[in-house]
N, C-alpha and C. Protein backbone atom coordinates (compact mmCIF):
# COMPACT_ATOMS: atom_id res chain seq x y z
N MET A 1 1.82 7.34 9.34
CA MET A 1 1.76 6.16 8.49
C MET A 1 1.79 6.59 7.02
N ILE A 2 2.60 5.93 6.24
CA ILE A 2 2.77 6.26 4.83
C ILE A 2 1.61 5.67 4.02
N ASN A 3 1.04 6.46 3.11
CA ASN A 3 -0.05 5.93 2.31
C ASN A 3 0.48 5.35 1.00
N LYS A 4 -0.39 4.72 0.23
CA LYS A 4 0.02 4.04 -1.00
C LYS A 4 0.60 4.99 -2.03
N ILE A 5 0.08 6.20 -2.13
CA ILE A 5 0.60 7.17 -3.09
C ILE A 5 2.02 7.57 -2.72
N GLU A 6 2.26 7.84 -1.43
CA GLU A 6 3.61 8.20 -0.98
C GLU A 6 4.57 7.03 -1.19
N LYS A 7 4.12 5.83 -0.90
CA LYS A 7 4.95 4.64 -1.07
C LYS A 7 5.30 4.44 -2.54
N THR A 8 4.32 4.59 -3.41
CA THR A 8 4.55 4.45 -4.85
C THR A 8 5.51 5.53 -5.33
N PHE A 9 5.34 6.74 -4.83
CA PHE A 9 6.24 7.83 -5.21
C PHE A 9 7.66 7.52 -4.78
N LEU A 10 7.86 7.08 -3.55
CA LEU A 10 9.21 6.77 -3.06
C LEU A 10 9.86 5.65 -3.86
N ILE A 11 9.09 4.61 -4.15
CA ILE A 11 9.62 3.50 -4.95
C ILE A 11 10.00 3.99 -6.35
N SER A 12 9.12 4.76 -6.95
CA SER A 12 9.39 5.29 -8.29
C SER A 12 10.61 6.20 -8.28
N LEU A 13 10.75 7.01 -7.25
CA LEU A 13 11.89 7.90 -7.13
C LEU A 13 13.19 7.11 -7.02
N VAL A 14 13.20 6.07 -6.22
CA VAL A 14 14.40 5.24 -6.06
C VAL A 14 14.76 4.59 -7.39
N ILE A 15 13.78 4.06 -8.10
CA ILE A 15 14.03 3.44 -9.40
C ILE A 15 14.59 4.47 -10.38
N PHE A 16 13.97 5.64 -10.44
CA PHE A 16 14.41 6.69 -11.36
C PHE A 16 15.84 7.14 -11.05
N VAL A 17 16.12 7.41 -9.78
CA VAL A 17 17.45 7.89 -9.40
C VAL A 17 18.51 6.83 -9.70
N THR A 18 18.20 5.58 -9.40
CA THR A 18 19.16 4.50 -9.67
C THR A 18 19.40 4.36 -11.17
N ALA A 19 18.34 4.37 -11.95
CA ALA A 19 18.49 4.26 -13.40
C ALA A 19 19.26 5.46 -13.95
N PHE A 20 18.93 6.64 -13.48
CA PHE A 20 19.58 7.86 -13.95
C PHE A 20 21.07 7.86 -13.59
N ALA A 21 21.41 7.36 -12.41
CA ALA A 21 22.81 7.33 -11.98
C ALA A 21 23.66 6.41 -12.86
N ARG A 22 23.04 5.42 -13.49
CA ARG A 22 23.77 4.56 -14.42
C ARG A 22 23.90 5.20 -15.79
N ILE A 23 23.03 6.14 -16.11
CA ILE A 23 23.00 6.74 -17.43
C ILE A 23 23.94 7.94 -17.54
N ILE A 24 23.99 8.75 -16.50
CA ILE A 24 24.84 9.94 -16.56
C ILE A 24 26.32 9.53 -16.55
N PRO A 25 27.19 10.38 -17.07
CA PRO A 25 28.62 10.06 -17.04
C PRO A 25 29.11 9.86 -15.60
N HIS A 26 29.88 8.82 -15.40
CA HIS A 26 30.38 8.50 -14.06
C HIS A 26 31.65 7.67 -14.16
N ILE A 27 32.33 7.55 -13.05
CA ILE A 27 33.51 6.68 -12.97
C ILE A 27 33.04 5.27 -13.31
N GLU A 28 33.87 4.50 -14.01
CA GLU A 28 33.49 3.13 -14.38
C GLU A 28 32.96 2.35 -13.18
N ASN A 29 31.76 1.82 -13.31
CA ASN A 29 31.09 0.98 -12.32
C ASN A 29 30.70 1.71 -11.03
N PHE A 30 30.80 3.02 -10.97
CA PHE A 30 30.41 3.80 -9.80
C PHE A 30 28.91 4.05 -9.89
N THR A 31 28.14 3.03 -9.52
CA THR A 31 26.68 3.09 -9.63
C THR A 31 26.03 2.65 -8.32
N PRO A 32 24.76 2.95 -8.13
CA PRO A 32 24.06 2.58 -6.90
C PRO A 32 23.43 1.19 -6.92
N VAL A 33 23.65 0.40 -7.95
CA VAL A 33 22.88 -0.83 -8.11
C VAL A 33 23.12 -1.83 -6.97
N ILE A 34 24.36 -2.12 -6.65
CA ILE A 34 24.61 -3.09 -5.58
C ILE A 34 24.13 -2.54 -4.24
N ALA A 35 24.32 -1.25 -4.01
CA ALA A 35 23.81 -0.64 -2.78
C ALA A 35 22.30 -0.77 -2.70
N LEU A 36 21.62 -0.55 -3.81
CA LEU A 36 20.17 -0.68 -3.83
C LEU A 36 19.75 -2.13 -3.60
N CYS A 37 20.49 -3.08 -4.15
CA CYS A 37 20.18 -4.49 -3.93
C CYS A 37 20.34 -4.86 -2.45
N ILE A 38 21.42 -4.38 -1.83
CA ILE A 38 21.65 -4.63 -0.41
C ILE A 38 20.54 -3.99 0.41
N PHE A 39 20.24 -2.74 0.11
CA PHE A 39 19.19 -2.01 0.82
C PHE A 39 17.85 -2.73 0.69
N SER A 40 17.53 -3.15 -0.52
CA SER A 40 16.26 -3.85 -0.75
C SER A 40 16.18 -5.13 0.06
N GLY A 41 17.25 -5.91 0.03
CA GLY A 41 17.26 -7.17 0.77
C GLY A 41 17.15 -6.98 2.27
N LEU A 42 17.82 -5.97 2.80
CA LEU A 42 17.80 -5.74 4.24
C LEU A 42 16.57 -4.99 4.72
N SER A 43 16.04 -4.10 3.92
CA SER A 43 15.08 -3.13 4.43
C SER A 43 13.65 -3.28 3.94
N LEU A 44 13.45 -3.81 2.77
CA LEU A 44 12.09 -3.85 2.24
C LEU A 44 11.37 -5.10 2.72
N THR A 45 10.12 -4.93 3.08
CA THR A 45 9.37 -6.03 3.69
C THR A 45 8.71 -6.95 2.68
N GLY A 46 8.36 -6.47 1.52
CA GLY A 46 7.68 -7.30 0.54
C GLY A 46 8.66 -8.19 -0.22
N ASN A 47 8.36 -9.49 -0.32
CA ASN A 47 9.26 -10.41 -1.00
C ASN A 47 9.44 -10.08 -2.47
N LYS A 48 8.38 -9.70 -3.15
CA LYS A 48 8.49 -9.40 -4.59
C LYS A 48 9.12 -8.03 -4.82
N ILE A 49 8.73 -7.04 -4.04
CA ILE A 49 9.17 -5.67 -4.28
C ILE A 49 10.67 -5.52 -4.07
N LYS A 50 11.24 -6.29 -3.16
CA LYS A 50 12.69 -6.18 -2.92
C LYS A 50 13.49 -6.62 -4.13
N TYR A 51 12.90 -7.46 -4.99
CA TYR A 51 13.57 -7.86 -6.24
C TYR A 51 13.19 -6.93 -7.39
N VAL A 52 11.95 -6.49 -7.40
CA VAL A 52 11.44 -5.67 -8.51
C VAL A 52 12.15 -4.32 -8.59
N ILE A 53 12.33 -3.66 -7.46
CA ILE A 53 12.89 -2.30 -7.48
C ILE A 53 14.28 -2.27 -8.11
N PRO A 54 15.25 -3.02 -7.60
CA PRO A 54 16.59 -2.92 -8.22
C PRO A 54 16.64 -3.47 -9.64
N LEU A 55 15.94 -4.57 -9.90
CA LEU A 55 16.00 -5.15 -11.23
C LEU A 55 15.30 -4.27 -12.26
N LEU A 56 14.24 -3.61 -11.87
CA LEU A 56 13.57 -2.67 -12.77
C LEU A 56 14.46 -1.47 -13.06
N ALA A 57 15.16 -0.97 -12.04
CA ALA A 57 16.08 0.15 -12.24
C ALA A 57 17.19 -0.24 -13.22
N VAL A 58 17.74 -1.44 -13.07
CA VAL A 58 18.80 -1.89 -13.98
C VAL A 58 18.23 -2.09 -15.38
N PHE A 59 17.07 -2.69 -15.47
CA PHE A 59 16.45 -2.95 -16.78
C PHE A 59 16.18 -1.64 -17.53
N ILE A 60 15.61 -0.66 -16.84
CA ILE A 60 15.31 0.62 -17.48
C ILE A 60 16.60 1.29 -17.96
N SER A 61 17.61 1.29 -17.12
CA SER A 61 18.86 1.93 -17.53
C SER A 61 19.55 1.12 -18.63
N ASP A 62 19.45 -0.21 -18.59
CA ASP A 62 20.00 -1.03 -19.68
C ASP A 62 19.31 -0.71 -20.99
N LEU A 63 18.00 -0.58 -20.96
CA LEU A 63 17.27 -0.23 -22.18
C LEU A 63 17.78 1.08 -22.76
N PHE A 64 17.85 2.08 -21.92
CA PHE A 64 18.29 3.39 -22.38
C PHE A 64 19.73 3.34 -22.90
N LEU A 65 20.63 2.79 -22.10
CA LEU A 65 22.04 2.75 -22.49
C LEU A 65 22.27 1.97 -23.78
N ASN A 66 21.66 0.82 -23.88
CA ASN A 66 21.94 -0.06 -25.00
C ASN A 66 21.22 0.33 -26.28
N ILE A 67 20.10 0.98 -26.17
CA ILE A 67 19.39 1.42 -27.38
C ILE A 67 19.90 2.78 -27.83
N PHE A 68 20.02 3.73 -26.92
CA PHE A 68 20.35 5.11 -27.31
C PHE A 68 21.84 5.43 -27.27
N LEU A 69 22.56 4.89 -26.31
CA LEU A 69 23.97 5.24 -26.19
C LEU A 69 24.88 4.30 -26.97
N TYR A 70 24.69 3.00 -26.76
CA TYR A 70 25.56 2.03 -27.42
C TYR A 70 25.02 1.55 -28.76
N ASN A 71 23.74 1.84 -29.03
CA ASN A 71 23.11 1.48 -30.29
C ASN A 71 23.27 -0.01 -30.62
N LEU A 72 22.97 -0.84 -29.63
CA LEU A 72 23.07 -2.29 -29.84
C LEU A 72 21.91 -2.77 -30.71
N ASN A 73 22.19 -3.70 -31.56
CA ASN A 73 21.17 -4.18 -32.50
C ASN A 73 20.74 -5.62 -32.24
N HIS A 74 21.12 -6.21 -31.13
CA HIS A 74 20.75 -7.61 -30.89
C HIS A 74 19.82 -7.72 -29.69
N GLY A 75 18.56 -7.57 -29.96
CA GLY A 75 17.54 -7.70 -28.93
C GLY A 75 17.25 -6.35 -28.28
N ILE A 76 16.36 -6.40 -27.32
CA ILE A 76 15.94 -5.18 -26.63
C ILE A 76 17.10 -4.57 -25.86
N PHE A 77 17.77 -5.36 -25.08
CA PHE A 77 18.87 -4.82 -24.29
C PHE A 77 19.97 -5.85 -24.08
N LEU A 78 19.93 -6.92 -24.80
CA LEU A 78 20.87 -8.00 -24.56
C LEU A 78 22.29 -7.61 -24.95
N TYR A 79 23.20 -7.92 -24.10
CA TYR A 79 24.61 -7.72 -24.35
C TYR A 79 25.33 -8.91 -23.73
N GLU A 80 26.55 -9.11 -24.13
CA GLU A 80 27.28 -10.27 -23.65
C GLU A 80 27.38 -10.25 -22.13
N GLY A 81 26.98 -11.32 -21.51
CA GLY A 81 27.10 -11.44 -20.07
C GLY A 81 25.97 -10.84 -19.27
N VAL A 82 24.92 -10.35 -19.92
CA VAL A 82 23.82 -9.70 -19.19
C VAL A 82 23.22 -10.61 -18.13
N ILE A 83 23.05 -11.87 -18.45
CA ILE A 83 22.42 -12.80 -17.50
C ILE A 83 23.24 -12.92 -16.23
N TRP A 84 24.56 -12.86 -16.35
CA TRP A 84 25.44 -13.00 -15.19
C TRP A 84 25.31 -11.80 -14.26
N GLN A 85 25.11 -10.62 -14.82
CA GLN A 85 24.91 -9.44 -13.97
C GLN A 85 23.59 -9.53 -13.21
N TYR A 86 22.54 -9.92 -13.91
CA TYR A 86 21.25 -10.04 -13.25
C TYR A 86 21.26 -11.14 -12.19
N ILE A 87 21.95 -12.24 -12.46
CA ILE A 87 22.10 -13.30 -11.45
C ILE A 87 22.82 -12.73 -10.23
N SER A 88 23.85 -11.94 -10.46
CA SER A 88 24.59 -11.33 -9.35
C SER A 88 23.67 -10.46 -8.51
N TYR A 89 22.86 -9.63 -9.16
CA TYR A 89 21.96 -8.75 -8.42
C TYR A 89 20.94 -9.54 -7.62
N ILE A 90 20.40 -10.58 -8.21
CA ILE A 90 19.43 -11.42 -7.50
C ILE A 90 20.07 -12.07 -6.28
N LEU A 91 21.29 -12.57 -6.43
CA LEU A 91 21.99 -13.18 -5.30
C LEU A 91 22.30 -12.17 -4.20
N VAL A 92 22.65 -10.95 -4.58
CA VAL A 92 22.91 -9.91 -3.58
C VAL A 92 21.65 -9.64 -2.76
N ILE A 93 20.51 -9.55 -3.42
CA ILE A 93 19.24 -9.32 -2.72
C ILE A 93 18.92 -10.52 -1.82
N LEU A 94 19.05 -11.71 -2.36
CA LEU A 94 18.74 -12.92 -1.60
C LEU A 94 19.63 -13.05 -0.36
N ILE A 95 20.93 -12.87 -0.53
CA ILE A 95 21.85 -12.99 0.61
C ILE A 95 21.59 -11.88 1.63
N SER A 96 21.32 -10.68 1.16
CA SER A 96 21.01 -9.58 2.08
C SER A 96 19.74 -9.87 2.86
N SER A 97 18.76 -10.47 2.21
CA SER A 97 17.51 -10.84 2.90
C SER A 97 17.77 -11.87 3.98
N LYS A 98 18.63 -12.83 3.67
CA LYS A 98 18.94 -13.88 4.65
C LYS A 98 19.74 -13.32 5.82
N LEU A 99 20.67 -12.41 5.52
CA LEU A 99 21.49 -11.82 6.58
C LEU A 99 20.67 -10.93 7.49
N ARG A 100 19.57 -10.43 6.97
CA ARG A 100 18.67 -9.59 7.77
C ARG A 100 18.23 -10.31 9.03
N LYS A 101 18.07 -11.63 8.95
CA LYS A 101 17.57 -12.42 10.08
C LYS A 101 18.65 -12.74 11.10
N ILE A 102 19.92 -12.54 10.74
CA ILE A 102 21.01 -12.84 11.67
C ILE A 102 21.14 -11.69 12.66
N ASN A 103 21.29 -12.03 13.91
CA ASN A 103 21.29 -11.03 14.97
C ASN A 103 22.69 -10.44 15.19
N ILE A 104 23.10 -9.57 14.29
CA ILE A 104 24.30 -8.76 14.50
C ILE A 104 23.92 -7.32 14.25
N LYS A 105 24.74 -6.41 14.76
CA LYS A 105 24.45 -4.99 14.66
C LYS A 105 24.19 -4.59 13.20
N TYR A 106 23.19 -3.74 12.99
CA TYR A 106 22.77 -3.36 11.64
C TYR A 106 23.91 -2.77 10.83
N THR A 107 24.70 -1.89 11.43
CA THR A 107 25.83 -1.28 10.72
C THR A 107 26.84 -2.33 10.31
N ALA A 108 27.09 -3.31 11.18
CA ALA A 108 28.01 -4.40 10.85
C ALA A 108 27.48 -5.22 9.67
N LYS A 109 26.18 -5.43 9.63
CA LYS A 109 25.58 -6.15 8.49
C LYS A 109 25.83 -5.40 7.19
N VAL A 110 25.61 -4.10 7.22
CA VAL A 110 25.78 -3.30 6.01
C VAL A 110 27.23 -3.34 5.54
N ILE A 111 28.16 -3.16 6.46
CA ILE A 111 29.59 -3.18 6.10
C ILE A 111 29.97 -4.55 5.55
N LEU A 112 29.56 -5.61 6.22
CA LEU A 112 29.84 -6.98 5.76
C LEU A 112 29.25 -7.21 4.36
N LEU A 113 28.04 -6.74 4.15
CA LEU A 113 27.40 -6.92 2.85
C LEU A 113 28.07 -6.10 1.76
N ILE A 114 28.47 -4.88 2.05
CA ILE A 114 29.14 -4.06 1.04
C ILE A 114 30.38 -4.77 0.53
N ILE A 115 31.21 -5.22 1.44
CA ILE A 115 32.46 -5.88 1.05
C ILE A 115 32.19 -7.19 0.32
N SER A 116 31.39 -8.05 0.93
CA SER A 116 31.18 -9.38 0.34
C SER A 116 30.36 -9.35 -0.94
N MET A 117 29.38 -8.46 -1.05
CA MET A 117 28.55 -8.42 -2.25
C MET A 117 29.29 -7.78 -3.43
N CYS A 118 30.18 -6.85 -3.15
CA CYS A 118 31.02 -6.30 -4.23
C CYS A 118 31.93 -7.40 -4.78
N LEU A 119 32.49 -8.19 -3.88
CA LEU A 119 33.33 -9.32 -4.31
C LEU A 119 32.51 -10.35 -5.08
N LEU A 120 31.32 -10.65 -4.59
CA LEU A 120 30.45 -11.61 -5.28
C LEU A 120 30.12 -11.12 -6.69
N PHE A 121 29.75 -9.85 -6.80
CA PHE A 121 29.45 -9.29 -8.11
C PHE A 121 30.66 -9.35 -9.03
N PHE A 122 31.83 -9.02 -8.52
CA PHE A 122 33.06 -9.06 -9.29
C PHE A 122 33.31 -10.47 -9.83
N ILE A 123 33.19 -11.45 -8.96
CA ILE A 123 33.47 -12.84 -9.35
C ILE A 123 32.48 -13.32 -10.40
N ILE A 124 31.19 -13.13 -10.14
CA ILE A 124 30.16 -13.66 -11.04
C ILE A 124 30.12 -12.89 -12.37
N SER A 125 30.12 -11.57 -12.31
CA SER A 125 29.97 -10.80 -13.55
C SER A 125 31.19 -10.98 -14.47
N ASN A 126 32.37 -11.06 -13.89
CA ASN A 126 33.55 -11.26 -14.73
C ASN A 126 33.67 -12.69 -15.23
N PHE A 127 33.17 -13.63 -14.47
CA PHE A 127 33.07 -15.00 -14.98
C PHE A 127 32.15 -15.00 -16.20
N GLY A 128 31.07 -14.23 -16.10
CA GLY A 128 30.14 -14.11 -17.22
C GLY A 128 30.78 -13.48 -18.44
N VAL A 129 31.63 -12.48 -18.24
CA VAL A 129 32.36 -11.89 -19.37
C VAL A 129 33.23 -12.95 -20.02
N TRP A 130 33.92 -13.72 -19.22
CA TRP A 130 34.82 -14.76 -19.74
C TRP A 130 34.04 -15.83 -20.51
N VAL A 131 32.92 -16.27 -19.94
CA VAL A 131 32.11 -17.33 -20.57
C VAL A 131 31.40 -16.83 -21.82
N SER A 132 30.87 -15.61 -21.78
CA SER A 132 29.96 -15.12 -22.81
C SER A 132 30.62 -14.42 -23.98
N SER A 133 31.89 -14.08 -23.86
CA SER A 133 32.51 -13.31 -24.93
C SER A 133 33.74 -14.03 -25.49
N ASP A 134 34.24 -13.47 -26.56
CA ASP A 134 35.47 -14.00 -27.15
C ASP A 134 36.67 -13.11 -26.81
N MET A 135 36.53 -12.29 -25.79
CA MET A 135 37.62 -11.41 -25.39
C MET A 135 38.81 -12.18 -24.82
N TYR A 136 38.51 -13.32 -24.20
CA TYR A 136 39.54 -14.10 -23.53
C TYR A 136 39.46 -15.56 -23.99
N THR A 137 40.61 -16.23 -23.95
CA THR A 137 40.60 -17.65 -24.29
C THR A 137 39.81 -18.40 -23.23
N HIS A 138 39.15 -19.45 -23.64
CA HIS A 138 38.31 -20.21 -22.72
C HIS A 138 39.11 -21.33 -22.05
N ASN A 139 40.07 -20.88 -21.24
CA ASN A 139 40.86 -21.77 -20.41
C ASN A 139 41.20 -21.03 -19.12
N ILE A 140 41.94 -21.67 -18.23
CA ILE A 140 42.25 -21.06 -16.94
C ILE A 140 43.05 -19.76 -17.11
N ALA A 141 43.98 -19.74 -18.05
CA ALA A 141 44.77 -18.53 -18.30
C ALA A 141 43.86 -17.38 -18.74
N GLY A 142 42.88 -17.67 -19.59
CA GLY A 142 41.94 -16.64 -20.03
C GLY A 142 41.08 -16.13 -18.89
N LEU A 143 40.64 -17.05 -18.03
CA LEU A 143 39.83 -16.66 -16.87
C LEU A 143 40.62 -15.76 -15.93
N LEU A 144 41.86 -16.16 -15.65
CA LEU A 144 42.71 -15.34 -14.77
C LEU A 144 42.99 -13.98 -15.39
N THR A 145 43.22 -13.94 -16.68
CA THR A 145 43.45 -12.66 -17.37
C THR A 145 42.20 -11.79 -17.28
N CYS A 146 41.05 -12.39 -17.44
CA CYS A 146 39.78 -11.66 -17.33
C CYS A 146 39.65 -11.01 -15.95
N TYR A 147 39.90 -11.80 -14.91
CA TYR A 147 39.82 -11.26 -13.54
C TYR A 147 40.88 -10.18 -13.31
N LEU A 148 42.08 -10.37 -13.78
CA LEU A 148 43.13 -9.36 -13.60
C LEU A 148 42.79 -8.06 -14.31
N ASN A 149 42.25 -8.17 -15.52
CA ASN A 149 41.87 -6.98 -16.28
C ASN A 149 40.68 -6.25 -15.65
N ALA A 150 39.90 -6.95 -14.85
CA ALA A 150 38.71 -6.35 -14.24
C ALA A 150 39.01 -5.65 -12.92
N ILE A 151 40.18 -5.85 -12.37
CA ILE A 151 40.51 -5.26 -11.06
C ILE A 151 40.31 -3.74 -11.04
N PRO A 152 40.74 -2.99 -12.07
CA PRO A 152 40.51 -1.53 -12.00
C PRO A 152 39.02 -1.15 -11.91
N PHE A 153 38.14 -1.96 -12.46
CA PHE A 153 36.71 -1.68 -12.41
C PHE A 153 36.13 -1.95 -11.01
N PHE A 154 36.80 -2.82 -10.26
CA PHE A 154 36.33 -3.15 -8.91
C PHE A 154 36.34 -1.92 -8.01
N GLN A 155 37.32 -1.06 -8.19
CA GLN A 155 37.40 0.14 -7.37
C GLN A 155 36.13 0.98 -7.50
N GLY A 156 35.67 1.18 -8.72
CA GLY A 156 34.44 1.94 -8.93
C GLY A 156 33.23 1.25 -8.32
N THR A 157 33.17 -0.07 -8.47
CA THR A 157 32.06 -0.84 -7.88
C THR A 157 32.04 -0.67 -6.37
N PHE A 158 33.19 -0.84 -5.76
CA PHE A 158 33.29 -0.78 -4.30
C PHE A 158 32.99 0.63 -3.78
N LEU A 159 33.62 1.64 -4.38
CA LEU A 159 33.39 3.01 -3.93
C LEU A 159 31.96 3.47 -4.18
N GLY A 160 31.41 3.08 -5.33
CA GLY A 160 30.01 3.42 -5.62
C GLY A 160 29.06 2.77 -4.63
N THR A 161 29.34 1.53 -4.29
CA THR A 161 28.47 0.83 -3.34
C THR A 161 28.55 1.48 -1.96
N ILE A 162 29.74 1.86 -1.54
CA ILE A 162 29.88 2.55 -0.25
C ILE A 162 29.12 3.88 -0.28
N TYR A 163 29.39 4.68 -1.29
CA TYR A 163 28.77 6.00 -1.38
C TYR A 163 27.24 5.91 -1.39
N PHE A 164 26.71 5.09 -2.27
CA PHE A 164 25.25 5.01 -2.38
C PHE A 164 24.61 4.27 -1.21
N SER A 165 25.35 3.40 -0.55
CA SER A 165 24.82 2.76 0.67
C SER A 165 24.63 3.81 1.76
N ILE A 166 25.61 4.70 1.89
CA ILE A 166 25.48 5.78 2.88
C ILE A 166 24.24 6.61 2.56
N PHE A 167 24.08 6.95 1.29
CA PHE A 167 22.92 7.73 0.87
C PHE A 167 21.62 6.99 1.18
N LEU A 168 21.55 5.72 0.78
CA LEU A 168 20.31 4.97 0.97
C LEU A 168 19.99 4.71 2.43
N PHE A 169 20.95 4.16 3.16
CA PHE A 169 20.66 3.75 4.53
C PHE A 169 20.49 4.92 5.47
N PHE A 170 21.35 5.93 5.36
CA PHE A 170 21.25 7.05 6.28
C PHE A 170 20.28 8.10 5.76
N GLY A 171 20.30 8.36 4.46
CA GLY A 171 19.41 9.36 3.89
C GLY A 171 17.95 8.99 4.02
N LEU A 172 17.62 7.76 3.64
CA LEU A 172 16.22 7.36 3.74
C LEU A 172 15.79 7.15 5.19
N ASN A 173 16.72 6.80 6.06
CA ASN A 173 16.39 6.68 7.48
C ASN A 173 16.03 8.05 8.06
N ILE A 174 16.78 9.08 7.65
CA ILE A 174 16.48 10.44 8.10
C ILE A 174 15.13 10.90 7.56
N LEU A 175 14.90 10.69 6.25
CA LEU A 175 13.60 11.05 5.68
C LEU A 175 12.46 10.31 6.37
N ASP A 176 12.69 9.04 6.63
CA ASP A 176 11.69 8.21 7.29
C ASP A 176 11.32 8.79 8.65
N LYS A 177 12.32 9.17 9.42
CA LYS A 177 12.07 9.73 10.76
C LYS A 177 11.43 11.11 10.69
N MET A 178 11.90 11.93 9.74
CA MET A 178 11.41 13.30 9.65
C MET A 178 9.98 13.38 9.11
N TYR A 179 9.72 12.64 8.04
CA TYR A 179 8.46 12.84 7.33
C TYR A 179 7.42 11.75 7.54
N PHE A 180 7.87 10.53 7.76
CA PHE A 180 6.91 9.44 7.80
C PHE A 180 6.76 8.83 9.18
N LYS A 181 7.49 9.35 10.13
CA LYS A 181 7.35 8.94 11.54
C LYS A 181 7.41 7.42 11.71
N ARG A 182 8.47 6.80 11.10
CA ARG A 182 8.73 5.37 11.23
C ARG A 182 7.60 4.53 10.61
N ASN A 183 7.55 4.51 9.30
CA ASN A 183 6.50 3.76 8.61
C ASN A 183 6.78 2.26 8.63
N GLU A 184 5.85 1.51 8.14
CA GLU A 184 5.96 0.04 8.14
C GLU A 184 6.69 -0.48 6.92
N TYR A 185 7.02 0.38 5.98
CA TYR A 185 7.58 -0.11 4.73
C TYR A 185 9.10 -0.22 4.74
N ILE A 186 9.77 0.79 5.27
CA ILE A 186 11.22 0.79 5.31
C ILE A 186 11.65 0.47 6.73
N LYS A 187 12.31 -0.64 6.91
CA LYS A 187 12.76 -1.05 8.23
C LYS A 187 14.26 -0.92 8.33
N THR A 188 14.72 -0.27 9.42
CA THR A 188 16.16 -0.17 9.67
C THR A 188 16.47 -0.67 11.05
């Protein structure tokens, strides 16, 4: 059985690794955030913690990136479209939590969620770019141009989600079996 110190350490480690993976140089959008949101929704038992872990990881990395790397001067970490990204992450966690209750094979759930949640993030976050910025005209042509211009970034989102999902679902499952002998916190 996992104790509170081990549980806190694992949660802190996941937050740190996720935040760090967004900070280090990487392929555009090749990050673990959507994978972590899916994992949290499917695997974590606490209603609050499944939202706190991924959102805290994104917030910490946003703070670092926007203050130190991009040197933004408007608020703590605010950038155009930030609310749309956070809404996307919350929806990914919520939908993953709901899908957890559907009786289909676990691997099929993960594959279905990877594909559909990457598309959901693409649609919502790029809609947010279109609404929140002056990069595109605020008409249907501008919206379509925004989505077309975002297609190259989708590849990084999709591949990053696949890669980090494998790491999270299989890696933590192996650690769970090896070291924690099937604890009550991470369910697969």
